[in-house]
Amino acid sequence: MQTFDLILIGVGTTGKTLAKRYAAAGKSVAVIEKSADIQDGISADQADIVSHFLAHKSDFVMLHPGLSFDEKDIWYRRAIQEKRRFQAARAKEDLDELEKLDNVSVFRGSGSVIFENEVRILSSKETSVISGSKIVSAFVHRSPFPEISGLDTCPTAYTREKLMDLEDLPRRLVILGGGRAGLETASIYAGFGSAVTVLEEHMTVLAEEDEDISAEIKKVLEERGVTFKSGSCVEKIAIEKGSSLISFTSDGQKQEISADAILLCSSGDHAANDDPRTPSGMCISPPFSRIGQTEREARAAGCSVLIAKLAVSRISKAKVTGQTAGMMKTVIDADTKKILGAGLFCAGSDELISIIQLAMDQDTDYTVLRDQVFPHLTIAEAFNELFSV
């Protein structure tokens, strides 16, 4: 049995960086990446890339409101084909780069941990076992989904990666669970032209966020065409005339809804971020980005806070581009003047959040961003007004 210092299951940007670091230190690394004929999961990095790729394509379809569903289906098919080519090319580039490194061995197949320090590799040709001092999986962890009658035998129920590889655009998509991954998928498929319904067990979407931000995100998604059924409990799924019939209760009322595709989603379907000072995001339109504490968390911790909020519709650059949906919100320690957290729901937030991250990492007062001279005309210059509290 081959033994390594590090076994990496799945590559992606994070995994590739880790493999390079170990190899440069003279440590042996085994990288296990799926073969093209094995589809049993997706790494967190890959899931994010696929979401961004399809979100961009769906936004383009949204620019053509006069398209019929069949025409939108053609655009969707093209997007899926492009996504597959992009994924294959990127995976090849990553593996080719790693194979050239000393101390790195690449295995093509599906890796699964069978003991504390052993991994089974299943390929189309053989099964093998290797051991390692450290095992790291880049794949998305999924929380167990509640048992639902008929779910196991439902042919139209998909995980996110399998849904996002369907060649036909579903006319009716029902998403079970309104976590981050579910909302990303809802935004993407509503953009392509599917009738999307989210069955959310909580009374609000993104229950971990402040109510004003979650309400704004819900409003924007509804304007995009997404329907929400809050406080929903799915009871059973049946097959009728080639479609799935979902029976559920919402607000105490028994209801039914038909679907051509069902997405099984939960909060665990999105990569977890254990470090609050590392930005996290949600690939919707516009994107939502989060760092640090929410207002609710800061107040619960006993902090005296200043709350800075700004509607995106007030930002000049947003008016020029027509991307006026969303809001910015930051939480500031009133005593120390340090930024405790921020939620940015606006075009470019996935880039702007790094500015706030830098300010937090450098432990600067919020006034530094308030007084900073930013280029004109940019979304970033809105920080001058946002932090004027």
Protein backbone atom coordinates (compact mmCIF):
# COMPACT_ATOMS: atom_id res chain seq x y z
CA MET A 1 0.00 0.00 0.00
CA GLN A 2 1.31 3.41 -0.99
CA THR A 3 1.61 5.94 1.84
CA PHE A 4 1.58 9.74 1.55
CA ASP A 5 1.95 12.73 3.84
CA LEU A 6 -1.20 14.27 2.34
CA ILE A 7 -4.12 12.77 0.46
CA LEU A 8 -6.25 15.34 -1.30
CA ILE A 9 -9.68 14.21 -2.52
CA GLY A 10 -10.71 16.69 -5.21
CA VAL A 11 -8.67 19.56 -6.56
CA GLY A 12 -10.05 23.03 -7.25
CA THR A 13 -8.17 26.23 -6.50
CA THR A 14 -7.87 25.57 -2.77
CA GLY A 15 -6.73 21.99 -3.20
CA LYS A 16 -4.17 22.89 -5.83
CA THR A 17 -2.65 25.53 -3.56
CA LEU A 18 -2.46 23.06 -0.66
CA ALA A 19 -0.85 20.38 -2.83
CA LYS A 20 1.79 22.83 -4.08
CA ARG A 21 2.60 23.94 -0.53
CA TYR A 22 3.12 20.38 0.71
CA ALA A 23 5.14 19.36 -2.36
CA ALA A 24 7.40 22.40 -2.04
CA ALA A 25 8.12 21.38 1.54
CA GLY A 26 9.30 17.97 0.32
CA LYS A 27 6.21 16.10 1.49
CA SER A 28 4.51 13.42 -0.59
CA VAL A 29 1.04 14.26 -1.93
CA ALA A 30 -1.64 12.08 -3.49
CA VAL A 31 -4.28 13.94 -5.51
CA ILE A 32 -7.48 12.07 -6.34
CA GLU A 33 -9.62 13.64 -9.03
CA LYS A 34 -12.68 12.17 -10.69
CA SER A 35 -12.45 10.59 -14.09
CA ALA A 36 -14.73 11.98 -16.76
CA ASP A 37 -16.91 8.84 -16.50
CA ILE A 38 -17.44 9.08 -12.73
CA GLN A 39 -20.01 11.56 -11.41
CA ASP A 40 -20.44 11.25 -7.67
CA GLY A 41 -19.89 14.71 -6.26
CA ILE A 42 -18.38 18.10 -6.80
CA SER A 43 -15.77 20.06 -4.89
CA ALA A 44 -16.65 23.32 -3.19
CA ASP A 45 -14.47 25.27 -5.64
CA GLN A 46 -16.03 23.51 -8.61
CA ALA A 47 -19.56 24.16 -7.30
CA ASP A 48 -18.79 27.87 -6.98
CA ILE A 49 -17.33 28.03 -10.48
CA VAL A 50 -20.31 26.23 -12.02
CA SER A 51 -22.71 28.56 -10.21
CA HIS A 52 -20.86 31.66 -11.43
CA PHE A 53 -20.64 30.31 -14.97
CA LEU A 54 -24.36 29.52 -15.26
CA ALA A 55 -25.37 32.69 -13.39
CA HIS A 56 -23.55 34.75 -16.02
CA LYS A 57 -25.30 32.84 -18.81
CA SER A 58 -28.74 33.18 -17.20
CA ASP A 59 -28.26 36.94 -16.76
CA PHE A 60 -27.66 37.14 -20.50
CA VAL A 61 -30.98 35.36 -21.17
CA MET A 62 -32.70 37.83 -18.83
CA LEU A 63 -31.63 40.62 -21.18
CA HIS A 64 -33.93 39.10 -23.85
CA PRO A 65 -37.40 39.04 -22.24
CA GLY A 66 -39.18 38.35 -25.52
CA LEU A 67 -37.76 34.84 -25.93
CA SER A 68 -40.14 31.88 -25.92
CA PHE A 69 -39.48 28.98 -23.55
CA ASP A 70 -38.19 26.86 -26.44
CA GLU A 71 -35.75 29.61 -27.39
CA LYS A 72 -34.60 29.89 -23.79
CA ASP A 73 -34.13 26.12 -23.75
CA ILE A 74 -31.72 26.46 -26.69
CA TRP A 75 -29.68 29.05 -24.78
CA TYR A 76 -29.70 26.78 -21.74
CA ARG A 77 -28.48 23.76 -23.74
CA ARG A 78 -25.63 25.83 -25.14
CA ALA A 79 -24.72 27.01 -21.64
CA ILE A 80 -24.59 23.43 -20.33
CA GLN A 81 -22.40 22.34 -23.25
CA GLU A 82 -20.06 25.29 -22.68
CA LYS A 83 -19.98 24.52 -18.95
CA ARG A 84 -18.93 20.92 -19.62
CA ARG A 85 -16.14 22.01 -21.96
CA PHE A 86 -15.01 24.62 -19.46
CA GLN A 87 -14.98 22.12 -16.57
CA ALA A 88 -13.06 19.54 -18.59
CA ALA A 89 -10.46 22.06 -19.78
CA ARG A 90 -9.96 23.49 -16.30
CA ALA A 91 -9.64 20.06 -14.68
CA LYS A 92 -7.07 19.04 -17.29
CA GLU A 93 -5.05 22.21 -16.71
CA ASP A 94 -5.05 21.65 -12.94
CA LEU A 95 -4.03 18.00 -13.15
CA ASP A 96 -1.41 18.61 -15.84
CA GLU A 97 0.13 21.30 -13.62
CA LEU A 98 0.16 19.05 -10.56
CA GLU A 99 1.56 16.04 -12.41
CA LYS A 100 4.64 18.05 -13.31
CA LEU A 101 5.47 18.67 -9.65
CA ASP A 102 7.93 16.56 -7.70
CA ASN A 103 6.38 14.66 -4.78
CA VAL A 104 2.86 14.73 -6.28
CA SER A 105 1.05 11.60 -7.54
CA VAL A 106 -2.26 12.02 -9.38
CA PHE A 107 -4.94 9.32 -9.24
CA ARG A 108 -7.97 9.56 -11.53
CA GLY A 109 -11.06 8.16 -9.88
CA SER A 110 -13.47 8.59 -6.98
CA GLY A 111 -11.93 8.74 -3.50
CA SER A 112 -13.67 7.75 -0.27
CA VAL A 113 -12.31 7.48 3.26
CA ILE A 114 -12.68 3.91 4.57
CA PHE A 115 -10.56 4.15 7.74
CA GLU A 116 -9.02 7.02 9.70
CA ASN A 117 -5.95 7.14 7.44
CA GLU A 118 -6.99 5.07 4.40
CA VAL A 119 -8.75 6.06 1.18
CA ARG A 120 -10.29 3.76 -1.43
CA ILE A 121 -9.90 4.90 -5.04
CA LEU A 122 -12.53 3.65 -7.46
CA SER A 123 -11.78 4.12 -11.16
CA SER A 124 -13.38 2.70 -14.28
CA LYS A 125 -10.64 0.06 -14.44
CA GLU A 126 -9.75 -0.91 -10.87
CA THR A 127 -10.07 -0.30 -7.14
CA SER A 128 -7.06 0.51 -4.98
CA VAL A 129 -6.34 1.69 -1.42
CA ILE A 130 -3.75 4.23 -0.26
CA SER A 131 -2.93 5.63 3.18
CA GLY A 132 -1.99 9.09 4.37
CA SER A 133 -0.97 11.00 7.49
CA LYS A 134 -3.47 13.73 6.59
CA ILE A 135 -6.60 13.47 4.47
CA VAL A 136 -8.37 16.54 3.09
CA SER A 137 -11.58 16.44 1.06
CA ALA A 138 -12.47 19.38 -1.16
CA PHE A 139 -15.97 18.09 -1.72
CA VAL A 140 -19.12 19.80 -0.48
CA HIS A 141 -20.50 18.32 2.72
CA ARG A 142 -24.24 17.66 2.64
CA SER A 143 -26.46 17.55 5.65
CA PRO A 144 -28.81 14.55 5.69
CA PHE A 145 -32.10 15.42 4.02
CA PRO A 146 -35.32 14.62 5.91
CA GLU A 147 -37.06 11.42 4.87
CA ILE A 148 -39.91 12.12 2.46
CA SER A 149 -42.28 9.46 1.19
CA GLY A 150 -41.60 8.73 -2.49
CA LEU A 151 -38.33 10.67 -2.61
CA ASP A 152 -36.06 7.63 -3.02
CA THR A 153 -37.90 6.46 -6.15
CA CYS A 154 -38.53 9.88 -7.70
CA PRO A 155 -36.74 10.04 -11.11
CA THR A 156 -36.92 13.83 -11.28
CA ALA A 157 -35.19 14.53 -7.93
CA TYR A 158 -31.63 15.81 -8.34
CA THR A 159 -28.66 17.00 -6.38
CA ARG A 160 -27.38 20.43 -7.44
CA GLU A 161 -24.50 19.21 -9.60
CA LYS A 162 -26.75 16.76 -11.46
CA LEU A 163 -29.46 19.36 -11.96
CA MET A 164 -26.88 21.77 -13.36
CA ASP A 165 -25.86 19.15 -15.90
CA LEU A 166 -29.33 18.45 -17.29
CA GLU A 167 -29.51 19.06 -21.03
CA ASP A 168 -33.16 20.15 -21.00
CA LEU A 169 -34.34 23.23 -19.14
CA PRO A 170 -37.09 22.20 -16.69
CA ARG A 171 -40.27 24.20 -17.15
CA ARG A 172 -41.15 23.83 -13.47
CA LEU A 173 -38.41 23.54 -10.85
CA VAL A 174 -39.21 23.03 -7.17
CA ILE A 175 -36.37 23.54 -4.69
CA LEU A 176 -36.66 21.83 -1.31
CA GLY A 177 -34.78 24.10 1.06
CA GLY A 178 -34.02 27.79 0.84
CA GLY A 179 -30.40 27.86 1.99
CA ARG A 180 -27.62 29.59 0.08
CA ALA A 181 -27.18 26.85 -2.49
CA GLY A 182 -30.93 26.68 -3.04
CA LEU A 183 -31.24 30.41 -3.61
CA GLU A 184 -28.28 30.41 -6.00
CA THR A 185 -29.96 27.71 -8.06
CA ALA A 186 -33.31 29.50 -7.90
CA SER A 187 -31.75 32.70 -9.26
CA ILE A 188 -29.97 30.85 -12.07
CA TYR A 189 -32.92 28.81 -13.29
CA ALA A 190 -35.43 31.64 -12.98
CA GLY A 191 -33.04 33.64 -15.16
CA PHE A 192 -33.00 30.90 -17.78
CA GLY A 193 -36.80 30.80 -17.80
CA SER A 194 -37.92 28.02 -15.45
CA ALA A 195 -40.89 28.57 -13.17
CA VAL A 196 -39.09 28.23 -9.82
CA THR A 197 -40.75 27.57 -6.46
CA VAL A 198 -38.77 27.36 -3.21
CA LEU A 199 -40.31 25.35 -0.38
CA GLU A 200 -38.63 26.75 2.73
CA GLU A 201 -39.21 25.22 6.16
CA HIS A 202 -38.36 28.49 7.95
CA MET A 203 -40.58 31.54 7.85
CA THR A 204 -37.75 33.59 6.32
CA VAL A 205 -35.07 32.78 3.77
CA LEU A 206 -31.47 32.92 4.97
CA ALA A 207 -32.52 32.75 8.60
CA GLU A 208 -28.89 33.27 9.68
CA GLU A 209 -28.87 36.77 8.14
CA ASP A 210 -30.40 39.97 9.51
CA GLU A 211 -34.06 40.32 8.58
CA ASP A 212 -33.58 43.46 6.48
CA ILE A 213 -30.98 41.77 4.26
CA SER A 214 -32.90 38.49 3.90
CA ALA A 215 -36.07 40.43 3.06
CA GLU A 216 -34.23 42.42 0.38
CA ILE A 217 -32.77 39.25 -1.15
CA LYS A 218 -36.19 37.61 -1.18
CA LYS A 219 -37.75 40.67 -2.83
CA VAL A 220 -35.15 40.74 -5.61
CA LEU A 221 -35.53 37.01 -6.27
CA GLU A 222 -39.31 37.37 -6.42
CA GLU A 223 -38.88 40.13 -8.99
CA ARG A 224 -36.75 37.67 -10.96
CA GLY A 225 -39.65 35.22 -10.96
CA VAL A 226 -39.00 33.00 -7.93
CA THR A 227 -42.00 31.96 -5.79
CA PHE A 228 -41.46 31.26 -2.09
CA LYS A 229 -43.58 29.05 0.13
CA SER A 230 -42.39 29.76 3.68
CA GLY A 231 -43.02 27.49 6.65
CA SER A 232 -43.34 24.51 4.31
CA CYS A 233 -43.20 20.85 5.30
CA VAL A 234 -43.01 18.36 2.43
CA GLU A 235 -45.00 15.21 3.14
CA LYS A 236 -44.72 13.06 0.03
CA ILE A 237 -43.77 12.98 -3.65
CA ALA A 238 -45.75 11.03 -6.24
CA ILE A 239 -45.39 10.56 -10.00
CA GLU A 240 -48.34 11.61 -12.15
CA LYS A 241 -48.31 11.74 -15.96
CA GLY A 242 -44.53 11.99 -16.16
CA SER A 243 -44.26 14.80 -13.60
CA SER A 244 -43.67 14.85 -9.88
CA LEU A 245 -46.52 15.87 -7.60
CA ILE A 246 -45.31 17.28 -4.29
CA SER A 247 -47.67 17.34 -1.33
CA PHE A 248 -46.79 19.79 1.42
CA THR A 249 -48.21 22.02 4.11
CA SER A 250 -47.52 25.74 4.22
CA ASP A 251 -48.94 28.12 6.80
CA GLY A 252 -51.06 25.25 8.06
CA GLN A 253 -52.68 24.64 4.66
CA LYS A 254 -52.29 21.42 2.65
CA GLN A 255 -51.08 22.16 -0.86
CA GLU A 256 -49.77 20.39 -3.97
CA ILE A 257 -47.40 21.49 -6.70
CA SER A 258 -46.21 19.76 -9.87
CA ALA A 259 -42.58 19.77 -10.96
CA ASP A 260 -40.49 18.62 -13.90
CA ALA A 261 -37.41 18.71 -11.68
CA ILE A 262 -36.86 18.76 -7.92
CA LEU A 263 -33.69 20.04 -6.32
CA LEU A 264 -32.74 18.47 -3.00
CA CYS A 265 -31.02 21.22 -1.13
CA SER A 266 -30.09 22.03 2.46
CA SER A 267 -27.89 24.46 4.33
CA GLY A 268 -25.13 21.84 4.20
CA ASP A 269 -25.08 21.92 0.40
CA HIS A 270 -22.96 25.08 0.54
CA ALA A 271 -19.35 24.97 1.66
CA ALA A 272 -19.09 26.03 5.27
CA ASN A 273 -16.99 29.00 6.30
CA ASP A 274 -15.72 28.56 9.84
CA ASP A 275 -13.71 31.80 9.89
CA PRO A 276 -16.04 34.82 10.19
CA ARG A 277 -13.28 37.14 8.94
CA THR A 278 -13.03 35.23 5.68
CA PRO A 279 -15.62 36.49 3.17
CA SER A 280 -18.36 34.19 1.98
CA GLY A 281 -20.78 34.79 -0.83
CA MET A 282 -23.88 33.77 -2.68
CA CYS A 283 -23.95 33.73 -6.46
CA ILE A 284 -27.31 35.34 -7.15
CA SER A 285 -28.12 38.43 -9.21
CA PRO A 286 -26.84 40.75 -7.85
CA PRO A 287 -24.31 38.78 -5.75
CA PHE A 288 -24.46 38.80 -1.96
CA SER A 289 -21.25 38.84 0.07
CA ARG A 290 -20.79 38.52 3.83
CA ILE A 291 -17.92 38.98 6.27
CA GLY A 292 -17.89 39.05 10.05
CA GLN A 293 -20.86 39.45 12.36
CA THR A 294 -24.44 40.32 11.53
CA GLU A 295 -26.20 43.02 13.55
CA ARG A 296 -28.08 40.34 15.47
CA GLU A 297 -24.87 38.50 16.35
CA ALA A 298 -23.09 41.67 17.43
CA ARG A 299 -25.93 42.77 19.70
CA ALA A 300 -26.20 39.26 21.15
CA ALA A 301 -22.49 39.47 22.00
CA GLY A 302 -23.17 42.61 24.02
CA CYS A 303 -21.55 45.07 21.62
CA SER A 304 -22.64 48.68 21.39
CA VAL A 305 -23.04 49.07 17.63
CA LEU A 306 -23.38 51.64 14.89
CA ILE A 307 -25.36 50.41 11.89
CA ALA A 308 -24.54 51.84 8.47
CA LYS A 309 -26.95 51.09 5.62
CA LEU A 310 -27.21 52.32 2.06
CA ALA A 311 -29.70 51.47 -0.68
CA VAL A 312 -27.89 50.61 -3.92
CA SER A 313 -30.38 52.79 -5.79
CA ARG A 314 -28.57 55.82 -4.29
CA ILE A 315 -25.22 54.91 -5.88
CA SER A 316 -24.37 56.86 -9.04
CA LYS A 317 -22.55 53.97 -10.77
CA ALA A 318 -25.51 51.69 -10.11
CA LYS A 319 -27.86 54.24 -11.68
CA VAL A 320 -25.65 54.48 -14.77
CA THR A 321 -25.52 50.72 -15.29
CA GLY A 322 -29.13 50.11 -14.27
CA GLN A 323 -28.05 47.68 -11.53
CA THR A 324 -29.89 49.41 -8.69
CA ALA A 325 -31.19 46.38 -6.79
CA GLY A 326 -29.90 45.59 -3.32
CA MET A 327 -28.41 47.22 -0.25
CA MET A 328 -25.18 47.61 1.73
CA LYS A 329 -25.02 47.13 5.49
CA THR A 330 -22.12 47.27 7.92
CA VAL A 331 -21.91 46.72 11.68
CA ILE A 332 -19.45 48.92 13.60
CA ASP A 333 -18.32 48.78 17.22
CA ALA A 334 -19.43 52.15 18.59
CA ASP A 335 -16.69 52.16 21.23
CA THR A 336 -13.66 51.05 19.22
CA LYS A 337 -14.78 52.32 15.77
CA LYS A 338 -13.76 48.94 14.28
CA ILE A 339 -15.80 47.16 11.64
CA LEU A 340 -17.42 44.03 13.07
CA GLY A 341 -19.07 42.78 9.90
CA ALA A 342 -20.71 43.63 6.61
CA GLY A 343 -23.30 42.31 4.20
CA LEU A 344 -23.10 43.66 0.66
CA PHE A 345 -25.95 42.84 -1.71
CA CYS A 346 -25.06 44.63 -4.92
CA ALA A 347 -23.33 44.34 -8.27
CA GLY A 348 -19.62 43.82 -7.65
CA SER A 349 -20.05 42.86 -3.98
CA ASP A 350 -17.88 39.77 -4.49
CA GLU A 351 -14.97 42.12 -5.24
CA LEU A 352 -15.87 44.96 -2.85
CA ILE A 353 -16.01 42.70 0.19
CA SER A 354 -12.21 42.33 0.00
CA ILE A 355 -11.82 46.04 0.75
CA ILE A 356 -13.74 45.61 3.99
CA GLN A 357 -11.81 42.43 4.73
CA LEU A 358 -8.54 44.35 4.41
CA ALA A 359 -9.78 47.07 6.76
CA MET A 360 -10.81 44.45 9.31
CA ASP A 361 -7.55 42.51 9.00
CA GLN A 362 -5.54 45.70 9.48
CA ASP A 363 -7.73 46.66 12.47
CA THR A 364 -8.38 50.13 11.06
CA ASP A 365 -11.22 52.40 12.10
CA TYR A 366 -14.25 52.51 9.81
CA THR A 367 -13.41 56.17 9.20
CA VAL A 368 -10.52 55.10 6.96
CA LEU A 369 -13.03 53.84 4.39
CA ARG A 370 -15.29 56.81 5.02
CA ASP A 371 -12.48 59.23 4.16
CA GLN A 372 -10.72 57.20 1.47
CA VAL A 373 -10.74 58.70 -2.04
CA PHE A 374 -12.03 56.02 -4.41
CA PRO A 375 -12.01 56.21 -8.22
CA HIS A 376 -15.00 57.84 -9.86
CA LEU A 377 -17.33 56.37 -11.23
CA THR A 378 -17.30 53.15 -9.17
CA ILE A 379 -19.46 51.23 -6.72
CA ALA A 380 -16.57 51.41 -4.24
CA GLU A 381 -16.95 55.17 -3.79
CA ALA A 382 -20.32 54.44 -2.16
CA PHE A 383 -18.29 53.48 0.93
CA ASN A 384 -17.82 57.23 1.57
CA GLU A 385 -21.56 57.62 2.06
CA LEU A 386 -22.13 54.20 3.63
CA PHE A 387 -19.67 54.85 6.46
CA SER A 388 -20.87 58.40 7.16
CA VAL A 389 -22.52 57.46 10.45
